[in-house]
Protein backbone atom coordinates (compact mmCIF):
# COMPACT_ATOMS: atom_id res chain seq x y z
CA MET A 1 0.00 0.00 0.00
CA LEU A 2 1.13 3.56 -0.64
CA PHE A 3 1.37 5.96 2.27
CA PRO A 4 -0.95 8.99 1.93
CA ARG A 5 0.65 12.43 1.78
CA ALA A 6 -0.53 15.67 3.25
CA GLN A 7 -0.24 18.96 1.38
CA SER A 8 -0.10 22.53 2.55
CA GLU A 9 -3.07 24.78 1.84
CA SER A 10 -1.07 26.80 -0.67
CA GLY A 11 0.01 23.68 -2.60
CA PRO A 12 3.27 21.74 -2.63
CA ARG A 13 6.54 23.66 -2.55
CA ARG A 14 9.65 22.87 -4.55
CA VAL A 15 12.45 21.32 -2.47
CA VAL A 16 16.14 21.79 -3.25
CA VAL A 17 19.41 20.43 -1.90
CA THR A 18 21.80 23.12 -0.67
CA GLY A 19 24.39 21.03 1.18
CA CYS A 20 25.84 17.54 0.97
CA GLY A 21 28.13 15.63 3.31
CA MET A 22 29.49 12.10 2.92
CA VAL A 23 31.55 9.56 4.83
CA THR A 24 32.09 6.23 3.06
CA PRO A 25 34.80 3.59 2.79
CA LEU A 26 36.03 5.54 -0.26
CA GLY A 27 36.91 8.55 1.86
CA LEU A 28 35.91 11.38 4.14
CA GLY A 29 33.96 14.18 2.46
CA VAL A 30 32.32 14.81 -0.89
CA ALA A 31 35.56 15.61 -2.71
CA ALA A 32 37.16 12.29 -1.72
CA ASN A 33 34.06 10.34 -2.72
CA THR A 34 33.36 11.98 -6.07
CA GLU A 35 36.31 10.46 -7.90
CA GLY A 36 35.81 7.08 -6.26
CA PHE A 37 32.20 6.74 -7.37
CA ARG A 38 32.86 8.23 -10.80
CA THR A 39 35.57 5.69 -11.59
CA GLY A 40 34.01 2.71 -9.79
CA GLN A 41 36.65 2.22 -7.11
CA THR A 42 36.19 -0.54 -4.51
CA ALA A 43 36.99 -0.36 -0.81
CA PHE A 44 36.76 -3.92 0.54
CA ARG A 45 39.42 -5.23 2.89
CA PRO A 46 39.84 -7.67 5.81
CA VAL A 47 37.71 -6.71 8.81
CA THR A 48 39.75 -5.08 11.59
CA LEU A 49 37.02 -3.79 13.92
CA PHE A 50 36.32 -7.15 15.57
CA ASP A 51 37.21 -10.84 15.37
CA VAL A 52 35.72 -12.58 12.31
CA SER A 53 37.80 -15.76 12.48
CA ARG A 54 34.68 -17.84 13.17
CA GLN A 55 32.67 -16.35 10.31
CA ARG A 56 32.32 -17.58 6.73
CA VAL A 57 33.29 -14.17 5.34
CA HIS A 58 36.20 -12.04 6.55
CA THR A 59 35.98 -8.86 4.46
CA ALA A 60 33.89 -5.69 4.50
CA ALA A 61 34.18 -2.03 3.52
CA GLU A 62 35.37 -0.16 6.60
CA VAL A 63 35.62 3.61 6.95
CA SER A 64 38.99 5.13 7.89
CA LEU A 65 37.96 7.71 10.48
CA PRO A 66 40.41 10.34 11.73
CA PRO A 67 40.91 10.49 15.51
CA ALA A 68 39.75 14.10 15.68
CA LEU A 69 36.26 15.47 14.99
CA PRO A 70 35.24 18.73 13.30
CA ASN A 71 34.98 21.81 15.48
CA THR A 72 31.34 22.09 16.57
CA ALA A 73 29.20 23.34 19.44
CA LEU A 74 29.70 20.05 21.31
CA SER A 75 31.74 19.84 24.49
CA SER A 76 34.77 17.56 24.71
CA ARG A 77 32.78 15.22 26.95
CA GLN A 78 30.01 14.91 24.37
CA THR A 79 32.43 14.14 21.55
CA ARG A 80 34.23 11.53 23.68
CA ARG A 81 30.93 9.73 24.22
CA LEU A 82 30.12 9.46 20.53
CA ASP A 83 30.55 5.96 19.16
CA ARG A 84 31.81 5.12 15.68
CA ALA A 85 28.39 5.48 14.04
CA GLY A 86 27.71 8.81 15.73
CA ARG A 87 31.11 10.15 14.66
CA MET A 88 30.41 9.31 11.02
CA LEU A 89 27.01 10.98 11.26
CA LEU A 90 28.62 14.06 12.78
CA TRP A 91 31.22 14.33 10.00
CA ALA A 92 28.56 14.08 7.28
CA ALA A 93 26.12 16.49 8.93
CA HIS A 94 28.86 19.02 9.63
CA GLU A 95 30.03 19.01 6.02
CA ALA A 96 26.47 19.39 4.70
CA THR A 97 25.56 22.29 6.98
CA GLN A 98 28.87 24.02 6.32
CA GLN A 99 28.42 23.73 2.57
CA ALA A 100 24.86 25.05 2.88
CA LYS A 101 26.21 27.93 5.02
CA TRP A 102 23.77 27.23 7.81
CA THR A 103 25.25 29.51 10.44
CA GLY A 104 23.93 30.28 13.90
CA LYS A 105 20.97 28.66 15.59
CA ARG A 106 18.70 27.55 12.75
CA PRO A 107 15.06 26.50 13.40
CA ALA A 108 15.38 23.52 11.08
CA ALA A 109 14.14 20.00 11.65
CA CYS A 110 16.43 16.99 11.68
CA VAL A 111 15.49 13.56 10.28
CA VAL A 112 17.91 10.63 10.43
CA GLY A 113 17.59 7.03 9.33
CA THR A 114 19.51 4.08 10.79
CA THR A 115 19.20 0.38 11.50
CA GLY A 116 21.88 -0.20 14.13
CA GLY A 117 22.20 3.16 15.87
CA GLY A 118 24.96 2.90 18.46
CA MET A 119 25.14 -0.89 18.26
CA SER A 120 28.83 -0.96 19.22
CA LEU A 121 27.99 0.70 22.55
CA GLY A 122 25.34 -1.94 23.15
CA GLU A 123 27.87 -4.67 22.47
CA THR A 124 30.35 -3.09 24.87
CA TYR A 125 27.63 -2.83 27.50
CA LEU A 126 26.79 -6.53 27.12
CA ARG A 127 30.43 -7.67 27.26
CA THR A 128 31.02 -5.60 30.38
CA ALA A 129 27.84 -6.88 32.05
CA LEU A 130 28.82 -10.49 31.32
CA HIS A 131 32.46 -10.29 32.40
CA GLU A 132 32.20 -7.66 35.15
CA PRO A 133 28.61 -7.85 36.48
CA LEU A 134 29.26 -5.33 39.26
CA ALA A 135 31.01 -2.77 37.05
CA CYS A 136 29.13 0.51 36.81
CA ARG A 137 31.66 2.84 35.20
CA GLN A 138 30.32 4.19 31.86
CA GLN A 139 27.52 1.63 31.72
CA PRO A 140 24.69 4.19 32.14
CA THR A 141 26.32 6.38 29.48
CA ARG A 142 26.40 3.42 27.08
CA THR A 143 22.71 2.72 27.55
CA ILE A 144 21.92 6.32 26.61
CA GLY A 145 24.42 6.66 23.76
CA TYR A 146 23.29 3.34 22.27
CA GLN A 147 19.95 4.89 21.34
CA ALA A 148 19.67 6.41 17.88
CA CYS A 149 17.53 9.26 19.21
CA ARG A 150 20.42 10.35 21.43
CA GLN A 151 22.92 10.31 18.57
CA ALA A 152 20.55 12.31 16.36
CA ALA A 153 19.95 14.88 19.11
CA VAL A 154 23.67 15.33 19.75
CA VAL A 155 24.41 15.85 16.04
CA ALA A 156 21.53 18.32 15.73
CA GLN A 157 23.01 20.24 18.65
CA ALA A 158 26.48 20.12 17.05
CA CYS A 159 25.11 21.70 13.86
CA ASP A 160 22.94 24.26 15.73
CA VAL A 161 19.78 22.72 14.27
CA ARG A 162 17.14 23.66 16.83
CA GLY A 163 13.95 22.16 15.42
CA PRO A 164 12.28 18.78 16.04
CA VAL A 165 14.40 15.63 15.67
CA ASN A 166 12.98 12.49 14.05
CA VAL A 167 14.54 9.02 13.79
CA LEU A 168 13.39 6.47 11.18
CA ALA A 169 14.38 2.83 11.53
CA ASN A 170 12.97 1.10 8.47
CA ALA A 171 15.63 -1.50 7.68
CA CYS A 172 17.69 -0.86 4.56
CA ALA A 173 15.29 1.82 3.32
CA SER A 174 15.89 3.99 6.40
CA GLY A 175 18.22 6.52 4.74
CA ALA A 176 15.94 7.00 1.74
CA ASN A 177 12.88 7.24 3.98
CA ALA A 178 14.62 9.87 6.11
CA ILE A 179 15.29 12.02 3.03
CA GLY A 180 11.79 11.36 1.73
CA HIS A 181 10.21 12.37 5.04
CA ALA A 182 12.37 15.48 5.18
CA TRP A 183 11.29 16.31 1.62
CA GLU A 184 7.66 15.99 2.66
CA LEU A 185 8.18 18.27 5.68
CA VAL A 186 9.49 21.01 3.40
CA ARG A 187 7.15 20.33 0.50
CA THR A 188 4.04 20.53 2.67
CA GLY A 189 5.13 23.71 4.46
CA ARG A 190 5.76 22.21 7.89
CA ASN A 191 9.43 23.24 7.79
CA ASP A 192 11.46 25.59 5.62
CA CYS A 193 14.72 23.72 6.20
CA VAL A 194 15.51 20.13 7.20
CA LEU A 195 18.77 18.30 7.83
CA ALA A 196 18.27 14.75 6.51
CA ALA A 197 20.77 11.93 6.99
CA GLY A 198 21.33 8.19 7.09
CA TYR A 199 24.10 6.42 8.97
CA ASP A 200 25.25 3.00 10.17
CA ALA A 201 28.49 1.45 11.34
CA ILE A 202 29.56 -2.18 11.00
CA SER A 203 29.16 -4.04 14.28
CA GLN A 204 29.91 -7.62 15.25
CA LEU A 205 26.26 -8.47 15.86
CA ILE A 206 25.13 -7.18 12.45
CA PHE A 207 28.04 -8.79 10.61
CA ALA A 208 27.53 -12.16 12.32
CA GLY A 209 23.79 -11.94 11.68
CA PHE A 210 24.12 -11.44 7.94
CA ASP A 211 26.84 -14.09 7.81
CA SER A 212 24.67 -16.63 9.63
CA LEU A 213 21.91 -15.99 7.08
CA GLN A 214 24.54 -16.81 4.42
CA ALA A 215 23.65 -13.50 2.80
CA LEU A 216 27.28 -12.30 2.59
CA SER A 217 29.28 -13.02 -0.53
CA PRO A 218 32.29 -15.31 0.07
CA THR A 219 33.81 -14.05 -3.20
CA GLN A 220 32.95 -10.57 -4.52
CA CYS A 221 29.89 -8.33 -4.50
CA ARG A 222 28.59 -8.37 -8.11
CA PRO A 223 25.15 -6.71 -8.40
CA PHE A 224 23.03 -8.04 -11.29
CA ASP A 225 25.76 -10.48 -12.33
CA MET A 226 24.63 -13.95 -13.39
CA HIS A 227 27.15 -15.43 -10.92
CA ARG A 228 26.34 -13.16 -7.94
CA ASP A 229 26.42 -14.94 -4.58
CA GLY A 230 25.61 -12.37 -1.91
CA LEU A 231 26.09 -8.89 -0.57
CA ALA A 232 29.06 -7.21 1.10
CA LEU A 233 28.68 -5.05 4.20
CA GLY A 234 29.97 -1.51 4.47
CA GLU A 235 29.48 1.48 6.73
CA GLY A 236 29.13 5.22 6.37
CA ALA A 237 26.88 8.25 6.52
CA ALA A 238 25.50 10.93 4.27
CA ALA A 239 23.59 14.11 5.03
CA LEU A 240 21.69 16.58 2.87
CA THR A 241 20.32 20.00 3.75
CA LEU A 242 16.90 20.42 2.17
CA GLU A 243 15.21 23.79 1.77
CA ALA A 244 12.14 25.27 0.18
CA LEU A 245 13.18 26.82 -3.12
CA GLU A 246 12.04 30.30 -2.11
CA THR A 247 14.02 30.06 1.15
CA ALA A 248 17.19 29.02 -0.66
CA LEU A 249 16.84 31.73 -3.30
CA ALA A 250 16.10 34.41 -0.73
CA ARG A 251 19.37 33.83 1.09
CA GLY A 252 21.41 33.30 -2.08
CA ALA A 253 22.24 29.66 -1.39
CA THR A 254 24.04 27.50 -3.92
CA ILE A 255 21.56 24.87 -5.14
CA LEU A 256 23.03 21.43 -5.83
CA ALA A 257 19.92 19.60 -7.10
CA GLU A 258 16.15 19.43 -6.73
CA ILE A 259 14.22 16.51 -5.24
CA VAL A 260 11.04 16.20 -7.29
CA GLY A 261 9.48 12.88 -6.32
CA TYR A 262 9.24 10.32 -3.53
CA GLY A 263 7.36 7.05 -3.28
CA ALA A 264 7.08 4.64 -0.35
CA ALA A 265 5.26 1.32 -0.26
CA THR A 266 5.11 -1.88 1.77
CA ASP A 267 5.69 -5.32 0.30
CA LEU A 268 3.76 -7.88 2.37
CA HIS A 269 5.16 -10.88 0.50
CA HIS A 270 7.76 -12.12 3.06
CA LEU A 271 9.74 -10.85 6.03
CA THR A 272 13.12 -11.02 4.26
CA GLN A 273 12.36 -11.91 0.62
CA PRO A 274 10.96 -9.39 -1.88
CA HIS A 275 8.01 -10.20 -4.08
CA PRO A 276 9.47 -12.08 -7.09
CA GLN A 277 7.97 -9.53 -9.51
CA GLY A 278 8.78 -6.54 -7.30
CA ASP A 279 5.20 -5.29 -6.96
CA ALA A 280 5.97 -2.75 -4.23
CA ALA A 281 9.07 -1.54 -6.08
CA VAL A 282 6.97 -0.88 -9.16
CA ALA A 283 4.52 1.05 -6.97
CA THR A 284 7.20 3.30 -5.46
CA MET A 285 8.85 4.07 -8.81
CA THR A 286 5.47 4.82 -10.36
CA GLU A 287 4.44 7.05 -7.46
CA ALA A 288 7.74 8.97 -7.37
CA CYS A 289 7.48 9.70 -11.11
CA ARG A 290 3.81 10.65 -10.82
CA ILE A 291 4.60 13.25 -8.18
CA ALA A 292 7.57 14.48 -10.22
CA GLY A 293 5.33 14.79 -13.28
CA ILE A 294 7.59 12.67 -15.48
CA GLU A 295 7.54 9.33 -17.28
CA PRO A 296 10.12 6.50 -17.43
CA ASP A 297 11.40 7.99 -20.70
CA ASP A 298 12.51 11.06 -18.71
CA ILE A 299 14.74 9.11 -16.31
CA ASP A 300 18.36 9.22 -17.44
CA TYR A 301 19.85 6.92 -14.78
CA VAL A 302 18.69 4.58 -12.01
CA ASN A 303 20.80 3.99 -8.92
CA ALA A 304 19.46 0.54 -8.07
CA HIS A 305 19.22 -1.05 -4.64
CA GLY A 306 21.26 -3.87 -6.23
CA THR A 307 22.60 -5.76 -3.22
CA GLY A 308 24.13 -8.63 -5.19
CA THR A 309 21.90 -11.29 -3.62
CA PRO A 310 20.10 -13.68 -5.98
CA LEU A 311 16.57 -12.86 -4.81
CA ASN A 312 16.89 -9.08 -4.44
CA ASP A 313 18.49 -8.45 -7.81
CA SER A 314 16.10 -10.67 -9.73
CA ALA A 315 13.07 -9.01 -8.10
CA GLU A 316 14.43 -5.52 -8.76
CA ALA A 317 15.31 -6.45 -12.34
CA ALA A 318 11.74 -7.61 -12.89
CA ALA A 319 10.36 -4.46 -11.28
CA LEU A 320 12.57 -2.11 -13.31
CA THR A 321 11.72 -3.87 -16.55
CA ARG A 322 7.98 -3.75 -15.82
CA TRP A 323 8.06 -0.11 -14.71
CA ALA A 324 10.26 1.19 -17.55
CA GLY A 325 8.46 -0.59 -20.39
CA ALA A 326 9.94 0.31 -23.77
CA ARG A 327 12.49 2.59 -22.07
CA ALA A 328 14.09 -0.37 -20.26
CA ALA A 329 16.29 -1.47 -23.15
CA THR A 330 18.31 1.76 -23.09
CA LEU A 331 17.93 2.73 -19.42
CA PRO A 332 21.33 3.01 -17.63
CA VAL A 333 21.31 1.21 -14.27
CA SER A 334 24.01 0.50 -11.69
CA SER A 335 24.42 -0.18 -7.98
CA THR A 336 27.09 1.67 -6.03
CA LYS A 337 27.06 -1.16 -3.48
CA ALA A 338 29.52 -2.83 -5.85
CA GLY A 339 32.20 -0.46 -4.56
CA ILE A 340 31.33 0.23 -0.92
CA GLY A 341 29.02 -2.61 0.04
CA HIS A 342 25.61 -2.38 1.65
CA LEU A 343 25.55 0.45 4.18
CA LEU A 344 22.19 -0.63 5.63
CA GLY A 345 20.49 2.45 7.16
CA ALA A 346 23.02 4.72 5.46
CA ALA A 347 22.61 3.17 2.01
CA GLY A 348 19.67 5.23 0.76
CA ALA A 349 21.19 8.50 1.98
CA VAL A 350 24.62 7.81 0.49
CA GLU A 351 23.09 6.70 -2.81
CA THR A 352 20.97 9.86 -2.95
CA ALA A 353 24.12 11.89 -2.37
CA VAL A 354 25.81 9.95 -5.20
CA CYS A 355 22.91 10.94 -7.45
CA VAL A 356 23.50 14.58 -6.54
CA LEU A 357 27.16 14.19 -7.52
CA ALA A 358 26.22 12.47 -10.80
CA LEU A 359 23.78 15.25 -11.69
CA ARG A 360 26.36 17.93 -11.02
CA GLY A 361 29.23 16.12 -12.73
CA GLN A 362 27.22 14.58 -15.58
CA TRP A 363 28.58 11.05 -15.17
CA LEU A 364 27.27 7.57 -14.33
CA PRO A 365 28.79 5.47 -11.53
CA PRO A 366 29.91 2.04 -12.82
CA MET A 367 29.99 -1.50 -11.41
CA LEU A 368 33.36 -2.84 -12.52
CA ALA A 369 32.91 -6.25 -10.87
CA THR A 370 29.76 -7.06 -12.87
CA ARG A 371 31.00 -8.84 -15.98
CA THR A 372 28.24 -11.30 -16.92
CA PRO A 373 24.88 -9.51 -16.75
CA ASP A 374 21.94 -11.59 -15.62
CA PRO A 375 19.64 -12.24 -18.61
CA ALA A 376 16.75 -11.09 -16.36
CA CYS A 377 18.06 -7.54 -16.68
CA GLY A 378 16.07 -5.97 -19.49
CA PHE A 379 18.03 -2.74 -19.08
CA ARG A 380 21.56 -1.46 -19.74
CA LEU A 381 24.01 -2.04 -16.91
CA VAL A 382 26.73 0.57 -16.41
CA THR A 383 29.91 -1.49 -16.04
CA GLN A 384 32.51 1.10 -17.09
CA PRO A 385 32.98 4.79 -16.19
CA GLU A 386 31.13 7.05 -18.58
CA SER A 387 30.00 10.62 -19.04
CA ALA A 388 26.36 11.26 -19.90
CA ARG A 389 23.76 13.98 -20.12
CA VAL A 390 21.77 13.49 -16.93
CA GLU A 391 18.66 15.55 -16.12
CA HIS A 392 16.59 13.20 -13.96
CA VAL A 393 17.87 10.34 -11.81
CA MET A 394 16.11 7.78 -9.66
CA THR A 395 17.38 5.89 -6.63
CA ASN A 396 15.78 2.79 -5.11
CA SER A 397 16.04 1.45 -1.56
CA PHE A 398 14.42 -1.77 -0.38
CA GLY A 399 14.61 -3.40 3.04
CA PHE A 400 13.61 -6.32 5.23
CA GLY A 401 10.00 -6.26 6.29
CA GLY A 402 8.96 -5.10 2.83
CA ALA A 403 10.11 -1.47 3.12
CA ASN A 404 10.41 0.10 -0.34
CA ALA A 405 11.36 3.68 -1.20
CA THR A 406 12.17 5.60 -4.37
CA LEU A 407 13.46 9.15 -4.81
CA VAL A 408 13.66 11.17 -8.04
CA LEU A 409 16.10 14.08 -8.39
CA ARG A 410 16.46 16.74 -11.08
CA ARG A 411 19.59 18.57 -12.18
CA TRP A 412 19.71 22.21 -11.15
CA ALA A 413 20.86 24.26 -14.13
């Protein structure tokens, strides 16, 4: 089913992106990530964050975080208490708000999406409780910092964002849903400005969970490849500052792109498996384009969910082919998970940020590891770096529990 959308009395407003911040295994910041995604670089390496000797798979895409944090309104005590996931979120949000030139205390809302929150703090709490049952030092702090709402509130404070804070936990669609919800807040007139972000860090519990499901690839992440055998995990964060067009123009902001459509739907087929024909995915893509006022022929590139698992990719291939119709044969499609893995709650936000970069740079991000396209793909896979004229792009995010989300962005000329 599609979620109903409210509208302001004066009609929907146009929503633009004025700031972008990224932290991925390819690097810290937009500049470091642009070249990596444009050329299809990969960032997988042996896991160093925890012991994986008992797991089937021993590699992931880890972020190289600097020991220091950006200079913000936070105290030294607050920054010390941030876990790995919170630090990545802070880096991304700080870069986005700085680029947007959001200075001073801004009455903007904050919407973040995540699946694990401060999972590493929860793991540390459990280990301490098991091995030192009477230990109290830092345990209360861990129980508070573990919660995603606390991390979001601290980052909002760091960026002087003084409006309401919302946290969305909707599996692997969380980041896209966070941006979509933020878009709706601005579009319907409830907020003029919103900081939207998605973030997640690799933790032992999440890694072992995916490995026990045998969902991780023991070889190489190859989205839409006929020989694909699973996904690869990564970590990261991305943040966008969204504003009403009139607000951005009034203050002379630099506009990076416009978000013109958003669709969200629930797939009730299975808890972890998508509908084989991708019914909900077709619904979200159709809805996002309807709101944007465009047709499949107008989409110049699709950033697919493309996890590299047999069931996900075949369902998304079926959905894309059904939705695109005659356009499918020439429609460029790729999944940036081929280079940085699946970032879970951060995936949709990072992939939306990649779409912003592609619109501004006029290029398509390739999947170099995909060499034998699955015959089920009735569209053109981008497997080599290429330049292209890109006006409208679409990004898909699908998650466990049947969460489906699609965003459509337009180039700002």
